[in-house]
N, C-alpha and C. Protein backbone atom coordinates (compact mmCIF):
# COMPACT_ATOMS: atom_id res chain seq x y z
N MET A 1 36.85 -40.13 -87.19
CA MET A 1 35.88 -39.67 -86.44
C MET A 1 36.35 -39.08 -85.13
N LYS A 2 37.44 -39.96 -84.67
CA LYS A 2 38.11 -39.60 -83.23
C LYS A 2 38.57 -38.11 -83.26
N ASN A 3 39.33 -37.77 -84.32
CA ASN A 3 39.97 -36.50 -84.62
C ASN A 3 39.04 -35.85 -84.87
N LEU A 4 37.83 -35.90 -85.42
CA LEU A 4 36.80 -34.57 -85.35
C LEU A 4 36.24 -34.39 -83.81
N LEU A 5 36.22 -35.50 -83.09
CA LEU A 5 35.59 -35.14 -81.61
C LEU A 5 36.81 -34.22 -80.78
N GLN A 6 38.02 -34.59 -81.15
CA GLN A 6 38.93 -33.93 -80.31
C GLN A 6 39.13 -32.54 -80.83
N ARG A 7 39.16 -32.34 -82.12
CA ARG A 7 39.12 -31.09 -82.66
C ARG A 7 37.93 -30.25 -82.08
N HIS A 8 36.55 -30.94 -82.16
CA HIS A 8 35.45 -30.09 -81.59
C HIS A 8 34.92 -30.23 -80.43
N LYS A 9 35.67 -30.73 -79.34
CA LYS A 9 35.14 -31.07 -78.11
C LYS A 9 34.49 -29.73 -77.17
N LEU A 10 35.17 -28.57 -77.38
CA LEU A 10 34.61 -27.23 -76.74
C LEU A 10 33.16 -27.45 -77.42
N LEU A 11 32.98 -27.48 -78.88
CA LEU A 11 31.93 -27.23 -79.53
C LEU A 11 30.70 -28.08 -79.13
N PHE A 12 31.18 -29.56 -78.94
CA PHE A 12 30.10 -30.53 -78.18
C PHE A 12 29.88 -30.00 -76.87
N LEU A 13 30.90 -29.62 -75.90
CA LEU A 13 30.29 -29.32 -74.58
C LEU A 13 29.52 -28.15 -74.50
N VAL A 14 29.65 -27.27 -75.23
CA VAL A 14 28.75 -25.88 -75.34
C VAL A 14 27.21 -26.65 -75.84
N ILE A 15 27.02 -27.20 -76.85
CA ILE A 15 25.92 -28.01 -77.36
C ILE A 15 25.25 -28.63 -76.46
N GLY A 16 26.09 -29.64 -75.58
CA GLY A 16 25.53 -30.43 -74.31
C GLY A 16 24.84 -29.60 -73.44
N LEU A 17 25.55 -28.60 -72.84
CA LEU A 17 25.11 -27.63 -71.86
C LEU A 17 23.86 -27.03 -72.23
N GLY A 18 23.71 -26.69 -73.59
CA GLY A 18 22.61 -25.94 -74.19
C GLY A 18 21.47 -26.85 -74.13
N LEU A 19 21.83 -28.13 -74.59
CA LEU A 19 20.66 -28.81 -74.57
C LEU A 19 20.12 -29.54 -72.98
N LEU A 20 20.99 -29.54 -72.00
CA LEU A 20 20.64 -29.62 -70.97
C LEU A 20 19.96 -28.48 -70.44
N LEU A 21 20.22 -27.01 -70.64
CA LEU A 21 19.45 -26.11 -69.93
C LEU A 21 18.06 -26.05 -70.77
N LEU A 22 17.95 -26.43 -71.95
CA LEU A 22 16.75 -26.36 -72.48
C LEU A 22 16.01 -27.37 -72.10
N THR A 23 16.32 -28.49 -71.84
CA THR A 23 15.50 -29.64 -71.25
C THR A 23 15.13 -29.31 -69.95
N GLN A 24 15.93 -28.51 -68.98
CA GLN A 24 15.36 -28.24 -67.64
C GLN A 24 14.42 -26.98 -67.74
N GLN A 25 14.67 -26.26 -68.78
CA GLN A 25 13.65 -25.07 -68.83
C GLN A 25 12.39 -25.36 -69.39
N LYS A 26 12.34 -26.50 -70.53
CA LYS A 26 11.08 -26.43 -71.16
C LYS A 26 10.37 -27.88 -70.68
N VAL A 27 10.96 -28.52 -70.05
CA VAL A 27 10.46 -29.86 -69.79
C VAL A 27 10.38 -29.88 -68.07
N ILE A 28 11.43 -29.78 -67.32
CA ILE A 28 11.31 -30.18 -65.88
C ILE A 28 10.90 -28.92 -65.18
N LEU A 29 11.13 -27.92 -65.45
CA LEU A 29 10.38 -26.47 -64.58
C LEU A 29 8.87 -26.69 -64.64
N PRO A 30 8.45 -26.87 -65.96
CA PRO A 30 7.06 -27.02 -66.03
C PRO A 30 6.24 -27.94 -65.27
N LEU A 31 6.81 -28.79 -65.20
CA LEU A 31 6.37 -30.04 -64.33
C LEU A 31 6.21 -29.74 -63.02
N VAL A 32 7.45 -29.08 -62.41
CA VAL A 32 7.44 -28.50 -61.04
C VAL A 32 6.27 -27.45 -60.85
N TYR A 33 6.38 -26.49 -61.61
CA TYR A 33 5.51 -25.73 -61.27
C TYR A 33 3.95 -26.15 -61.06
N GLU A 34 3.70 -27.04 -61.88
CA GLU A 34 2.29 -27.90 -62.07
C GLU A 34 2.13 -28.65 -60.63
N VAL A 35 3.11 -29.22 -60.02
CA VAL A 35 3.01 -29.98 -58.86
C VAL A 35 2.86 -28.94 -57.91
N VAL A 36 3.63 -27.77 -57.97
CA VAL A 36 3.50 -26.74 -56.86
C VAL A 36 2.10 -26.01 -57.17
N LYS A 37 1.48 -25.67 -57.90
CA LYS A 37 0.14 -25.32 -58.22
C LYS A 37 -1.10 -26.35 -57.72
N SER A 38 -0.85 -27.48 -57.70
CA SER A 38 -1.67 -28.67 -57.48
C SER A 38 -1.81 -28.49 -55.82
N ASP A 39 -2.77 -29.32 -55.31
CA ASP A 39 -3.10 -29.29 -53.89
C ASP A 39 -2.44 -30.78 -53.54
N ALA A 40 -1.32 -31.07 -54.28
CA ALA A 40 -0.60 -32.37 -53.48
C ALA A 40 -0.21 -32.21 -52.33
N PHE A 41 0.53 -30.79 -51.73
CA PHE A 41 0.95 -30.58 -50.59
C PHE A 41 -0.13 -29.89 -49.59
N LEU A 42 -1.09 -29.63 -50.17
CA LEU A 42 -2.18 -28.98 -49.29
C LEU A 42 -2.75 -29.91 -48.07
N VAL A 43 -2.64 -29.50 -47.09
CA VAL A 43 -3.31 -30.22 -45.74
C VAL A 43 -4.60 -29.17 -45.24
N GLU A 44 -5.59 -29.84 -45.45
CA GLU A 44 -6.79 -29.02 -44.89
C GLU A 44 -6.91 -29.21 -43.32
N SER A 45 -7.00 -28.22 -42.53
CA SER A 45 -7.07 -28.52 -40.89
C SER A 45 -7.81 -27.19 -40.67
N LYS A 46 -8.74 -27.39 -39.42
CA LYS A 46 -9.42 -26.32 -38.83
C LYS A 46 -8.33 -25.48 -38.11
N ASP A 47 -7.20 -25.91 -37.73
CA ASP A 47 -6.28 -25.36 -37.05
C ASP A 47 -5.39 -24.51 -38.03
N GLU A 48 -5.65 -23.12 -38.01
CA GLU A 48 -4.92 -22.14 -38.94
C GLU A 48 -3.64 -21.80 -38.13
N ALA A 49 -2.37 -21.61 -38.51
CA ALA A 49 -1.35 -20.66 -38.26
C ALA A 49 -1.52 -19.44 -37.69
N SER A 50 -1.02 -19.12 -36.73
CA SER A 50 -1.23 -17.75 -36.33
C SER A 50 0.32 -17.39 -35.74
N GLN A 51 0.47 -15.81 -36.06
CA GLN A 51 1.67 -15.11 -35.54
C GLN A 51 1.51 -14.63 -34.08
N LEU A 52 0.33 -14.43 -33.63
CA LEU A 52 0.10 -14.32 -32.14
C LEU A 52 -0.01 -15.04 -31.31
N PRO A 53 0.46 -15.23 -30.22
CA PRO A 53 0.14 -16.13 -29.31
C PRO A 53 -1.35 -16.51 -29.16
N ILE A 54 -1.55 -17.83 -28.76
CA ILE A 54 -3.15 -18.48 -28.85
C ILE A 54 -3.21 -18.65 -27.04
N SER A 55 -4.27 -19.09 -26.95
CA SER A 55 -4.43 -20.15 -25.76
C SER A 55 -5.91 -20.65 -25.91
N ASN A 56 -5.96 -22.10 -26.04
CA ASN A 56 -7.05 -22.49 -26.18
C ASN A 56 -7.02 -24.16 -25.67
N GLN A 57 -8.05 -24.86 -25.76
CA GLN A 57 -7.81 -26.19 -25.12
C GLN A 57 -6.75 -26.92 -25.45
N THR A 58 -6.42 -26.96 -26.84
CA THR A 58 -5.41 -27.64 -27.48
C THR A 58 -3.95 -27.14 -27.00
N SER A 59 -3.79 -25.96 -27.23
CA SER A 59 -2.59 -25.24 -26.80
C SER A 59 -2.34 -25.78 -25.39
N ASP A 60 -3.15 -25.88 -24.36
CA ASP A 60 -3.17 -26.08 -23.04
C ASP A 60 -2.67 -27.66 -22.66
N ALA A 61 -3.34 -28.25 -23.64
CA ALA A 61 -2.95 -29.78 -23.32
C ALA A 61 -1.46 -29.99 -24.09
N ALA A 62 -1.10 -29.13 -25.31
CA ALA A 62 0.32 -29.34 -25.41
C ALA A 62 1.31 -29.12 -24.64
N PHE A 63 0.87 -27.73 -23.66
CA PHE A 63 1.68 -27.21 -22.62
C PHE A 63 1.95 -28.55 -21.65
N LEU A 64 0.88 -29.13 -21.21
CA LEU A 64 1.00 -30.24 -20.21
C LEU A 64 1.84 -31.56 -20.66
N HIS A 65 1.85 -31.57 -21.98
CA HIS A 65 2.43 -33.16 -22.51
C HIS A 65 3.84 -32.52 -22.90
N CYS A 66 4.16 -31.26 -23.05
CA CYS A 66 5.70 -30.77 -23.08
C CYS A 66 6.09 -31.08 -21.55
N ASN A 67 5.34 -30.48 -20.47
CA ASN A 67 5.89 -30.42 -19.17
C ASN A 67 6.11 -32.10 -19.02
N THR A 68 5.40 -33.17 -19.31
CA THR A 68 5.59 -34.43 -19.01
C THR A 68 6.55 -34.86 -19.79
N TYR A 69 6.91 -34.39 -20.92
CA TYR A 69 8.37 -34.84 -21.66
C TYR A 69 9.22 -34.39 -20.68
N VAL A 70 9.30 -33.00 -20.45
CA VAL A 70 10.50 -32.55 -19.44
C VAL A 70 10.75 -33.21 -18.31
N LYS A 71 9.60 -33.70 -17.57
CA LYS A 71 9.52 -34.48 -16.62
C LYS A 71 10.54 -35.59 -16.63
N GLU A 72 10.05 -36.70 -17.82
CA GLU A 72 10.67 -37.59 -17.99
C GLU A 72 12.15 -37.62 -18.23
N LYS A 73 12.55 -36.62 -19.10
CA LYS A 73 14.03 -36.53 -19.61
C LYS A 73 15.20 -35.93 -18.27
N TYR A 74 14.43 -34.50 -17.77
CA TYR A 74 15.35 -33.86 -16.67
C TYR A 74 15.17 -33.99 -15.27
N SER A 75 14.33 -34.74 -14.88
CA SER A 75 14.10 -34.92 -13.24
C SER A 75 14.86 -35.84 -12.62
N ASN A 76 16.25 -36.21 -13.19
CA ASN A 76 17.02 -37.14 -12.58
C ASN A 76 17.43 -36.59 -11.33
N ASN A 77 18.31 -35.26 -11.54
CA ASN A 77 19.08 -34.51 -10.42
C ASN A 77 18.28 -33.56 -9.78
N SER A 78 17.15 -33.03 -10.41
CA SER A 78 16.39 -31.86 -9.74
C SER A 78 14.93 -32.22 -9.62
N THR A 79 14.34 -31.51 -8.58
CA THR A 79 13.03 -31.54 -8.41
C THR A 79 12.24 -30.37 -9.41
N LEU A 80 11.39 -30.82 -10.15
CA LEU A 80 11.06 -29.70 -11.33
C LEU A 80 9.67 -29.09 -10.88
N GLU A 81 9.30 -27.94 -10.84
CA GLU A 81 8.03 -27.29 -10.37
C GLU A 81 7.96 -26.36 -11.58
N PHE A 82 6.30 -26.79 -11.97
CA PHE A 82 5.81 -26.07 -13.17
C PHE A 82 4.83 -24.96 -13.02
N PRO A 83 4.75 -24.15 -13.83
CA PRO A 83 3.71 -23.30 -13.64
C PRO A 83 2.33 -23.75 -13.96
N ALA A 84 0.86 -23.01 -13.73
CA ALA A 84 0.06 -23.40 -14.26
C ALA A 84 -0.22 -23.27 -15.76
N HIS A 85 0.47 -22.20 -16.46
CA HIS A 85 -0.10 -21.94 -17.81
C HIS A 85 1.42 -21.53 -18.39
N ALA A 86 1.67 -21.88 -19.65
CA ALA A 86 2.59 -21.43 -20.45
C ALA A 86 2.64 -20.09 -20.80
N LEU A 87 3.99 -19.72 -20.72
CA LEU A 87 4.30 -18.14 -21.05
C LEU A 87 3.52 -17.58 -22.36
N ASN A 88 3.87 -18.55 -23.43
CA ASN A 88 3.37 -18.11 -24.45
C ASN A 88 2.97 -19.49 -25.60
N SER A 89 2.01 -19.64 -26.21
CA SER A 89 1.67 -20.55 -27.12
C SER A 89 1.42 -20.18 -28.48
N TRP A 90 2.13 -20.86 -29.55
CA TRP A 90 1.88 -20.43 -30.78
C TRP A 90 1.50 -21.77 -31.72
N THR A 91 0.48 -21.54 -32.66
CA THR A 91 0.32 -22.66 -33.49
C THR A 91 0.86 -22.35 -34.95
N LEU A 92 1.36 -23.38 -35.52
CA LEU A 92 1.90 -23.26 -36.79
C LEU A 92 1.07 -23.70 -37.74
N GLY A 93 -0.28 -24.08 -37.31
CA GLY A 93 -1.22 -24.59 -38.34
C GLY A 93 -1.06 -26.27 -38.43
N ASN A 94 -2.17 -26.67 -38.60
CA ASN A 94 -2.38 -28.17 -38.57
C ASN A 94 -1.72 -28.77 -37.29
N TYR A 95 -2.02 -28.28 -36.14
CA TYR A 95 -2.09 -28.66 -34.81
C TYR A 95 -0.44 -28.80 -34.45
N GLN A 96 0.45 -28.23 -35.08
CA GLN A 96 1.70 -28.25 -34.72
C GLN A 96 2.00 -26.78 -33.61
N TYR A 97 2.69 -27.05 -32.45
CA TYR A 97 2.63 -26.07 -31.50
C TYR A 97 3.98 -25.73 -31.07
N ILE A 98 4.38 -24.39 -30.89
CA ILE A 98 5.34 -23.89 -30.18
C ILE A 98 5.23 -23.48 -29.03
N ILE A 99 5.37 -24.13 -27.60
CA ILE A 99 5.26 -23.66 -26.42
C ILE A 99 6.50 -23.05 -25.84
N ASN A 100 6.35 -21.65 -25.10
CA ASN A 100 7.38 -21.27 -24.61
C ASN A 100 7.05 -21.46 -22.91
N ALA A 101 7.88 -21.88 -22.27
CA ALA A 101 7.36 -21.88 -21.07
C ALA A 101 8.82 -21.89 -19.78
N GLU A 102 8.32 -21.86 -18.64
CA GLU A 102 9.65 -21.84 -17.61
C GLU A 102 9.38 -22.83 -16.38
N ILE A 103 10.39 -23.34 -16.00
CA ILE A 103 10.26 -24.23 -15.05
C ILE A 103 11.30 -23.77 -13.88
N THR A 104 10.93 -24.07 -12.55
CA THR A 104 11.86 -23.95 -11.42
C THR A 104 12.42 -25.22 -11.20
N ALA A 105 13.86 -25.52 -11.25
CA ALA A 105 14.39 -26.61 -10.87
C ALA A 105 15.15 -26.44 -9.52
N VAL A 106 14.92 -27.46 -8.85
CA VAL A 106 15.47 -27.30 -7.39
C VAL A 106 16.33 -28.71 -7.18
N ASN A 107 17.95 -28.33 -7.17
CA ASN A 107 18.57 -29.45 -7.23
C ASN A 107 18.71 -30.34 -5.79
N LYS A 108 18.61 -31.61 -6.24
CA LYS A 108 18.52 -32.62 -5.06
C LYS A 108 19.41 -32.73 -3.89
N GLU A 109 20.76 -32.51 -4.39
CA GLU A 109 21.93 -32.44 -3.61
C GLU A 109 21.94 -31.16 -2.57
N ASP A 110 22.27 -30.02 -3.32
CA ASP A 110 22.30 -28.96 -2.48
C ASP A 110 21.33 -28.07 -2.27
N ASN A 111 20.16 -28.38 -2.84
CA ASN A 111 18.89 -27.74 -2.55
C ASN A 111 18.83 -26.12 -3.08
N THR A 112 19.73 -25.86 -4.17
CA THR A 112 19.57 -24.62 -4.88
C THR A 112 18.50 -24.88 -5.95
N SER A 113 18.20 -23.70 -6.11
CA SER A 113 17.09 -23.45 -7.18
C SER A 113 17.55 -22.46 -8.34
N LYS A 114 16.89 -22.90 -9.56
CA LYS A 114 16.92 -21.73 -10.57
C LYS A 114 15.58 -21.86 -11.41
N THR A 115 15.41 -20.81 -12.19
CA THR A 115 14.36 -20.67 -13.05
C THR A 115 14.76 -20.72 -14.38
N LEU A 116 14.43 -21.73 -15.32
CA LEU A 116 14.78 -21.69 -16.53
C LEU A 116 13.53 -21.51 -17.57
N LYS A 117 13.93 -20.95 -18.70
CA LYS A 117 12.89 -21.12 -19.75
C LYS A 117 13.28 -21.95 -20.78
N TYR A 118 12.36 -22.76 -21.38
CA TYR A 118 12.57 -23.61 -22.20
C TYR A 118 11.28 -23.54 -23.51
N VAL A 119 11.62 -23.96 -24.53
CA VAL A 119 10.83 -23.81 -25.72
C VAL A 119 10.68 -25.52 -26.10
N CYS A 120 9.33 -25.83 -26.67
CA CYS A 120 8.95 -27.10 -26.94
C CYS A 120 8.23 -26.94 -27.99
N ARG A 121 8.57 -27.85 -29.13
CA ARG A 121 7.60 -27.94 -30.46
C ARG A 121 7.12 -29.42 -30.22
N ILE A 122 5.87 -29.26 -30.58
CA ILE A 122 4.98 -30.54 -30.64
C ILE A 122 3.95 -30.40 -31.34
N ILE A 123 3.60 -31.95 -31.84
CA ILE A 123 2.40 -32.11 -32.79
C ILE A 123 1.29 -33.02 -32.34
N TYR A 124 0.24 -32.52 -32.39
CA TYR A 124 -1.11 -33.40 -32.10
C TYR A 124 -1.22 -34.15 -33.52
N ASP A 125 -1.01 -35.56 -33.33
CA ASP A 125 -1.30 -36.32 -34.54
C ASP A 125 -2.54 -36.77 -34.97
N LYS A 126 -3.85 -36.48 -34.38
CA LYS A 126 -5.03 -37.00 -34.85
C LYS A 126 -5.95 -35.70 -35.73
N GLY A 127 -4.98 -34.66 -35.89
CA GLY A 127 -5.87 -33.78 -36.53
C GLY A 127 -7.13 -33.01 -36.05
N ASP A 128 -7.91 -32.74 -36.59
CA ASP A 128 -9.24 -32.29 -36.48
C ASP A 128 -10.13 -33.19 -35.27
N ASP A 129 -9.57 -34.31 -35.04
CA ASP A 129 -10.34 -35.08 -34.25
C ASP A 129 -9.78 -34.71 -32.60
N GLN A 130 -10.23 -34.05 -32.15
CA GLN A 130 -10.28 -33.48 -30.58
C GLN A 130 -10.39 -34.49 -29.60
N THR A 131 -10.88 -35.53 -29.73
CA THR A 131 -11.59 -36.28 -28.60
C THR A 131 -10.51 -36.94 -27.91
N ASP A 132 -9.03 -37.01 -28.18
CA ASP A 132 -8.01 -37.62 -27.72
C ASP A 132 -6.81 -36.54 -27.19
N ILE A 133 -7.00 -35.38 -27.44
CA ILE A 133 -5.97 -34.32 -27.00
C ILE A 133 -5.18 -34.67 -25.57
N ASN A 134 -6.16 -35.32 -24.79
CA ASN A 134 -5.22 -35.61 -23.38
C ASN A 134 -4.58 -36.62 -23.27
N ASN A 135 -4.54 -37.42 -24.14
CA ASN A 135 -3.60 -38.67 -24.22
C ASN A 135 -2.20 -38.44 -24.75
N ILE A 136 -1.21 -38.69 -23.93
CA ILE A 136 0.02 -38.03 -24.33
C ILE A 136 0.51 -39.07 -25.78
N ASP A 137 0.10 -40.09 -25.89
CA ASP A 137 0.27 -40.95 -27.12
C ASP A 137 -0.18 -40.60 -28.33
N SER A 138 -1.16 -39.27 -28.51
CA SER A 138 -1.62 -38.95 -29.74
C SER A 138 -0.68 -37.68 -29.92
N TRP A 139 0.39 -37.58 -28.99
CA TRP A 139 1.45 -36.18 -29.66
C TRP A 139 2.48 -36.82 -29.96
N SER A 140 3.44 -36.08 -30.49
CA SER A 140 4.50 -36.29 -31.02
C SER A 140 5.46 -35.08 -30.48
N LEU A 141 6.73 -35.27 -29.77
CA LEU A 141 7.54 -34.13 -29.52
C LEU A 141 8.33 -33.92 -30.72
N VAL A 142 8.69 -32.71 -31.07
CA VAL A 142 9.62 -32.58 -32.06
C VAL A 142 10.97 -32.32 -31.60
N GLY A 143 10.78 -31.67 -30.28
CA GLY A 143 12.17 -31.14 -29.61
C GLY A 143 11.92 -30.18 -28.58
N ILE A 144 12.95 -30.37 -27.77
CA ILE A 144 12.91 -29.27 -26.47
C ILE A 144 14.25 -28.66 -26.58
N SER A 145 14.14 -27.21 -26.10
CA SER A 145 15.51 -26.57 -25.95
C SER A 145 15.41 -25.65 -24.99
N GLY A 146 16.64 -25.13 -24.58
CA GLY A 146 16.67 -24.25 -23.41
C GLY A 146 17.09 -24.70 -22.32
N LEU A 147 17.01 -26.15 -21.76
CA LEU A 147 17.37 -26.60 -20.57
C LEU A 147 18.81 -27.65 -20.54
N ASN A 148 19.52 -26.93 -21.24
CA ASN A 148 21.10 -27.58 -21.07
C ASN A 148 21.75 -27.48 -19.85
N ASP A 149 21.30 -26.60 -19.17
CA ASP A 149 21.68 -26.29 -17.97
C ASP A 149 21.19 -27.00 -16.58
N LEU A 150 20.25 -27.91 -17.19
CA LEU A 150 19.53 -28.83 -16.12
C LEU A 150 20.31 -29.85 -15.61
């Protein structure tokens, strides 16, 4: 029997690979396709994604909360001045926002100023319930970029 396995190991390898591919094609992939077609990953929300910049009450609150996060993280060496509105705001759907804004940072030591643009990604955690959009605890910051020079 051992001699038979050694003589035909290439044949067994080919048969094993064939069975593996057949199992994947006939069993695994149909299951994956069924899960993808189902509503398992579908999130129903009144906030639909948009490729165009938006401006509404929720995006304005997202801008203000991004500014609060920036103040908390970057105001050690500089005095930060924020404009009244973001340059652009986009919704990714399901209350996920990308905020593009700028700040003016005045260095506390030498009183020089510079204007920096930053991008903030933030999520409103309570979905369609808009009663708490002004509470920063209802938001999750995903990240801020563009302020490395601060």
